[in-house]
PDB file of N, CA and C in Angstrom:
ATOM      1  N   MET A   1       8.398  87.548  71.807  1.00  0.00           N
ATOM      2  CA  MET A   1       9.115  87.902  71.226  1.00  0.00           C
ATOM      3  C   MET A   1       9.565  89.292  70.470  1.00  0.00           C
ATOM      4  N   LYS A   2       9.338  89.033  69.262  1.00  0.00           N
ATOM      5  CA  LYS A   2       8.352  90.843  68.478  1.00  0.00           C
ATOM      6  C   LYS A   2       8.539  91.409  68.893  1.00  0.00           C
ATOM      7  N   THR A   3       8.153  91.738  70.081  1.00  0.00           N
ATOM      8  CA  THR A   3       8.087  92.749  70.373  1.00  0.00           C
ATOM      9  C   THR A   3       9.482  93.627  71.442  1.00  0.00           C
ATOM     10  N   ASN A   4      10.254  92.059  71.409  1.00  0.00           N
ATOM     11  CA  ASN A   4      11.658  92.585  72.122  1.00  0.00           C
ATOM     12  C   ASN A   4      12.392  93.073  71.176  1.00  0.00           C
ATOM     13  N   LEU A   5      12.859  92.822  70.262  1.00  0.00           N
ATOM     14  CA  LEU A   5      14.508  92.852  69.293  1.00  0.00           C
ATOM     15  C   LEU A   5      13.226  94.053  68.732  1.00  0.00           C
ATOM     16  N   LEU A   6      12.014  94.888  68.476  1.00  0.00           N
ATOM     17  CA  LEU A   6      11.751  96.503  67.778  1.00  0.00           C
ATOM     18  C   LEU A   6      12.114  97.707  68.838  1.00  0.00           C
ATOM     19  N   LYS A   7      11.829  97.123  69.905  1.00  0.00           N
ATOM     20  CA  LYS A   7      12.697  97.972  71.263  1.00  0.00           C
ATOM     21  C   LYS A   7      14.393  98.177  70.706  1.00  0.00           C
ATOM     22  N   ILE A   8      14.836  97.031  70.235  1.00  0.00           N
ATOM     23  CA  ILE A   8      16.655  97.462  69.849  1.00  0.00           C
ATOM     24  C   ILE A   8      16.623  98.627  69.367  1.00  0.00           C
ATOM     25  N   ASP A   9      16.933  99.488  69.447  1.00  0.00           N
ATOM     26  CA  ASP A   9      17.703 101.276  68.468  1.00  0.00           C
ATOM     27  C   ASP A   9      17.523 100.280  66.877  1.00  0.00           C
ATOM     28  N   ARG A  10      17.217 101.092  65.790  1.00  0.00           N
ATOM     29  CA  ARG A  10      17.636 100.831  64.576  1.00  0.00           C
ATOM     30  C   ARG A  10      17.251  99.121  64.262  1.00  0.00           C
ATOM     31  N   VAL A  11      15.811  98.535  64.200  1.00  0.00           N
ATOM     32  CA  VAL A  11      15.859  97.087  64.265  1.00  0.00           C
ATOM     33  C   VAL A  11      15.145  97.568  63.676  1.00  0.00           C
ATOM     34  N   ALA A  12      15.041  97.179  62.231  1.00  0.00           N
ATOM     35  CA  ALA A  12      13.874  97.049  61.136  1.00  0.00           C
ATOM     36  C   ALA A  12      13.264  95.713  61.009  1.00  0.00           C
ATOM     37  N   ILE A  13      11.835  96.163  60.036  1.00  0.00           N
ATOM     38  CA  ILE A  13      10.981  94.247  59.977  1.00  0.00           C
ATOM     39  C   ILE A  13      11.284  94.618  58.094  1.00  0.00           C
ATOM     40  N   LEU A  14      11.451  93.684  58.144  1.00  0.00           N
ATOM     41  CA  LEU A  14      11.511  92.844  56.674  1.00  0.00           C
ATOM     42  C   LEU A  14      10.939  92.867  56.306  1.00  0.00           C
ATOM     43  N   SER A  15      10.243  92.993  54.429  1.00  0.00           N
ATOM     44  CA  SER A  15       9.532  92.494  54.373  1.00  0.00           C
ATOM     45  C   SER A  15      10.232  90.378  53.600  1.00  0.00           C
ATOM     46  N   GLN A  16       9.486  90.144  53.542  1.00  0.00           N
ATOM     47  CA  GLN A  16      10.037  89.040  52.895  1.00  0.00           C
ATOM     48  C   GLN A  16      10.362  89.521  51.382  1.00  0.00           C
ATOM     49  N   GLU A  17      10.201  90.184  50.024  1.00  0.00           N
ATOM     50  CA  GLU A  17      10.244  90.765  49.205  1.00  0.00           C
ATOM     51  C   GLU A  17      12.072  91.035  49.776  1.00  0.00           C
ATOM     52  N   SER A  18      11.712  92.375  50.641  1.00  0.00           N
ATOM     53  CA  SER A  18      12.882  92.650  50.923  1.00  0.00           C
ATOM     54  C   SER A  18      14.342  91.529  51.455  1.00  0.00           C
ATOM     55  N   GLN A  19      14.016  90.463  51.884  1.00  0.00           N
ATOM     56  CA  GLN A  19      14.473  89.585  52.512  1.00  0.00           C
ATOM     57  C   GLN A  19      14.670  88.772  51.398  1.00  0.00           C
ATOM     58  N   ARG A  20      13.993  88.967  50.530  1.00  0.00           N
ATOM     59  CA  ARG A  20      14.626  87.556  48.824  1.00  0.00           C
ATOM     60  C   ARG A  20      16.168  88.107  48.399  1.00  0.00           C
ATOM     61  N   MET A  21      15.706  90.219  48.437  1.00  0.00           N
ATOM     62  CA  MET A  21      16.571  90.617  48.147  1.00  0.00           C
ATOM     63  C   MET A  21      18.577  90.489  48.425  1.00  0.00           C
ATOM     64  N   ILE A  22      17.844  90.172  49.668  1.00  0.00           N
ATOM     65  CA  ILE A  22      19.678  90.024  50.278  1.00  0.00           C
ATOM     66  C   ILE A  22      20.308  89.046  49.837  1.00  0.00           C
ATOM     67  N   LYS A  23      21.338  89.839  49.747  1.00  0.00           N
ATOM     68  CA  LYS A  23      22.787  88.901  48.707  1.00  0.00           C
ATOM     69  C   LYS A  23      24.224  88.658  49.762  1.00  0.00           C
ATOM     70  N   GLY A  24      24.502  88.221  49.504  1.00  0.00           N
ATOM     71  CA  GLY A  24      25.383  87.837  50.515  1.00  0.00           C
ATOM     72  C   GLY A  24      25.933  86.086  50.911  1.00  0.00           C
ATOM     73  N   GLN A  25      27.642  86.476  51.571  1.00  0.00           N
ATOM     74  CA  GLN A  25      28.166  84.831  51.513  1.00  0.00           C
ATOM     75  C   GLN A  25      28.853  84.578  52.864  1.00  0.00           C
ATOM     76  N   ALA A  26      28.878  83.860  53.744  1.00  0.00           N
ATOM     77  CA  ALA A  26      29.655  83.581  54.657  1.00  0.00           C
ATOM     78  C   ALA A  26      31.280  84.157  54.041  1.00  0.00           C
ATOM     79  N   GLY A  27      31.906  83.950  52.607  1.00  0.00           N
ATOM     80  CA  GLY A  27      32.939  83.852  52.087  1.00  0.00           C
ATOM     81  C   GLY A  27      34.005  82.605  53.334  1.00  0.00           C
ATOM     82  N   ILE A  28      33.004  80.976  52.921  1.00  0.00           N
ATOM     83  CA  ILE A  28      33.504  80.326  53.308  1.00  0.00           C
ATOM     84  C   ILE A  28      33.380  79.437  51.911  1.00  0.00           C
ATOM     85  N   ASP A  29      34.256  78.736  51.324  1.00  0.00           N
ATOM     86  CA  ASP A  29      33.704  77.706  49.906  1.00  0.00           C
ATOM     87  C   ASP A  29      34.445  76.308  50.033  1.00  0.00           C
ATOM     88  N   LEU A  30      33.477  75.437  50.745  1.00  0.00           N
ATOM     89  CA  LEU A  30      33.558  74.019  51.088  1.00  0.00           C
ATOM     90  C   LEU A  30      34.073  73.364  49.829  1.00  0.00           C
ATOM     91  N   SER A  31      33.887  73.726  48.845  1.00  0.00           N
ATOM     92  CA  SER A  31      34.331  73.402  47.318  1.00  0.00           C
ATOM     93  C   SER A  31      36.028  73.139  47.423  1.00  0.00           C
ATOM     94  N   LEU A  32      36.606  73.843  48.105  1.00  0.00           N
ATOM     95  CA  LEU A  32      38.709  73.926  48.305  1.00  0.00           C
ATOM     96  C   LEU A  32      38.981  72.924  49.165  1.00  0.00           C
ATOM     97  N   CYS A  33      37.502  71.858  49.607  1.00  0.00           N
ATOM     98  CA  CYS A  33      37.487  71.349  50.548  1.00  0.00           C
ATOM     99  C   CYS A  33      37.513  69.679  50.155  1.00  0.00           C
ATOM    100  N   GLY A  34      38.720  68.843  50.732  1.00  0.00           N
ATOM    101  CA  GLY A  34      39.092  67.802  50.761  1.00  0.00           C
ATOM    102  C   GLY A  34      40.016  66.892  50.842  1.00  0.00           C
ATOM    103  N   CYS A  35      39.981  65.307  50.212  1.00  0.00           N
ATOM    104  CA  CYS A  35      40.547  65.226  51.458  1.00  0.00           C
ATOM    105  C   CYS A  35      41.498  63.456  50.589  1.00  0.00           C
ATOM    106  N   SER A  36      43.536  64.172  51.790  1.00  0.00           N
ATOM    107  CA  SER A  36      44.281  63.655  50.697  1.00  0.00           C
ATOM    108  C   SER A  36      44.344  61.663  51.344  1.00  0.00           C
ATOM    109  N   CYS A  37      45.491  61.192  50.131  1.00  0.00           N
ATOM    110  CA  CYS A  37      44.625  59.700  50.232  1.00  0.00           C
ATOM    111  C   CYS A  37      45.442  59.154  51.770  1.00  0.00           C
ATOM    112  N   SER A  38      45.993  60.434  52.247  1.00  0.00           N
ATOM    113  CA  SER A  38      46.125  59.803  54.015  1.00  0.00           C
ATOM    114  C   SER A  38      45.050  59.329  54.164  1.00  0.00           C
ATOM    115  N   GLY A  39      43.743  59.787  53.725  1.00  0.00           N
ATOM    116  CA  GLY A  39      42.406  59.662  54.806  1.00  0.00           C
ATOM    117  C   GLY A  39      42.251  61.324  55.787  1.00  0.00           C
ATOM    118  N   GLY A  40      43.480  62.613  55.370  1.00  0.00           N
ATOM    119  CA  GLY A  40      43.726  63.420  55.902  1.00  0.00           C
ATOM    120  C   GLY A  40      42.658  64.892  55.404  1.00  0.00           C
ATOM    121  N   VAL A  41      42.277  65.496  56.210  1.00  0.00           N
ATOM    122  CA  VAL A  41      41.639  66.786  55.197  1.00  0.00           C
ATOM    123  C   VAL A  41      42.575  67.984  54.899  1.00  0.00           C
ATOM    124  N   SER A  42      42.472  67.827  53.998  1.00  0.00           N
ATOM    125  CA  SER A  42      43.303  69.635  52.885  1.00  0.00           C
ATOM    126  C   SER A  42      43.165  69.832  52.840  1.00  0.00           C
ATOM    127  N   SER A  43      43.963  71.368  51.885  1.00  0.00           N
ATOM    128  CA  SER A  43      43.201  72.565  51.369  1.00  0.00           C
ATOM    129  C   SER A  43      42.505  73.842  52.692  1.00  0.00           C
ATOM    130  N   PRO A  44      42.052  74.693  52.576  1.00  0.00           N
ATOM    131  CA  PRO A  44      42.498  75.630  53.474  1.00  0.00           C
ATOM    132  C   PRO A  44      41.754  75.260  54.986  1.00  0.00           C
ATOM    133  N   SER A  45      42.430  76.049  55.908  1.00  0.00           N
ATOM    134  CA  SER A  45      42.344  75.605  56.711  1.00  0.00           C
ATOM    135  C   SER A  45      41.112  74.912  58.296  1.00  0.00           C
ATOM    136  N   TYR A  46      40.272  76.498  57.430  1.00  0.00           N
ATOM    137  CA  TYR A  46      38.435  76.155  58.615  1.00  0.00           C
ATOM    138  C   TYR A  46      38.554  74.753  57.550  1.00  0.00           C
ATOM    139  N   CYS A  47      38.904  73.863  56.554  1.00  0.00           N
ATOM    140  CA  CYS A  47      37.515  72.139  56.081  1.00  0.00           C
ATOM    141  C   CYS A  47      37.661  71.806  57.297  1.00  0.00           C
ATOM    142  N   GLY A  48      38.965  71.759  57.905  1.00  0.00           N
ATOM    143  CA  GLY A  48      38.800  70.487  58.561  1.00  0.00           C
ATOM    144  C   GLY A  48      37.380  70.500  60.401  1.00  0.00           C
ATOM    145  N   LYS A  49      36.594  72.039  60.135  1.00  0.00           N
ATOM    146  CA  LYS A  49      35.382  72.281  61.153  1.00  0.00           C
ATOM    147  C   LYS A  49      34.721  72.186  60.266  1.00  0.00           C
ATOM    148  N   PHE A  50      34.386  71.495  59.378  1.00  0.00           N
ATOM    149  CA  PHE A  50      32.888  71.438  58.522  1.00  0.00           C
ATOM    150  C   PHE A  50      32.741  69.431  57.978  1.00  0.00           C
ATOM    151  N   ILE A  51      34.387  68.958  57.786  1.00  0.00           N
ATOM    152  CA  ILE A  51      34.160  68.019  56.544  1.00  0.00           C
ATOM    153  C   ILE A  51      35.123  66.671  57.693  1.00  0.00           C
ATOM    154  N   ILE A  52      34.809  65.671  57.370  1.00  0.00           N
ATOM    155  CA  ILE A  52      35.565  65.076  58.289  1.00  0.00           C
ATOM    156  C   ILE A  52      35.733  63.501  56.640  1.00  0.00           C
ATOM    157  N   CYS A  53      36.664  63.155  57.213  1.00  0.00           N
ATOM    158  CA  CYS A  53      37.268  62.276  55.723  1.00  0.00           C
ATOM    159  C   CYS A  53      37.907  60.570  56.654  1.00  0.00           C
ATOM    160  N   PRO A  54      36.986  59.691  55.365  1.00  0.00           N
ATOM    161  CA  PRO A  54      37.092  58.461  55.812  1.00  0.00           C
ATOM    162  C   PRO A  54      38.236  57.928  56.374  1.00  0.00           C
ATOM    163  N   GLN A  55      38.840  57.049  57.084  1.00  0.00           N
ATOM    164  CA  GLN A  55      40.783  56.387  57.380  1.00  0.00           C
ATOM    165  C   GLN A  55      40.860  56.275  56.332  1.00  0.00           C
ATOM    166  N   ILE A  56      40.482  55.678  56.014  1.00  0.00           N
ATOM    167  CA  ILE A  56      40.268  54.966  54.723  1.00  0.00           C
ATOM    168  C   ILE A  56      40.276  54.749  53.375  1.00  0.00           C
ATOM    169  N   TYR A  57      41.169  55.913  52.195  1.00  0.00           N
ATOM    170  CA  TYR A  57      40.796  56.615  50.547  1.00  0.00           C
ATOM    171  C   TYR A  57      42.193  55.681  49.263  1.00  0.00           C
ATOM    172  N   ALA A  58      40.526  55.829  49.076  1.00  0.00           N
ATOM    173  CA  ALA A  58      41.274  55.632  48.067  1.00  0.00           C
ATOM    174  C   ALA A  58      42.255  56.266  46.876  1.00  0.00           C
ATOM    175  N   CYS A  59      42.428  56.834  46.124  1.00  0.00           N
ATOM    176  CA  CYS A  59      42.911  57.041  45.452  1.00  0.00           C
ATOM    177  C   CYS A  59      43.203  57.087  44.111  1.00  0.00           C
TER     178      CYS A  59
END
């Protein structure tokens, strides 16, 4: 499989040190997600894809 990837234009193999230096973020902050008192997911719209709230939630 490695040889198939090398056939793609502008593909380079990164060393482990180079991989450690790559920094990035998907732009999704799950710390903003929460549950409302009714048990629904609150905050940004993408939170419903990542967390599930219990049906009974004590406030």
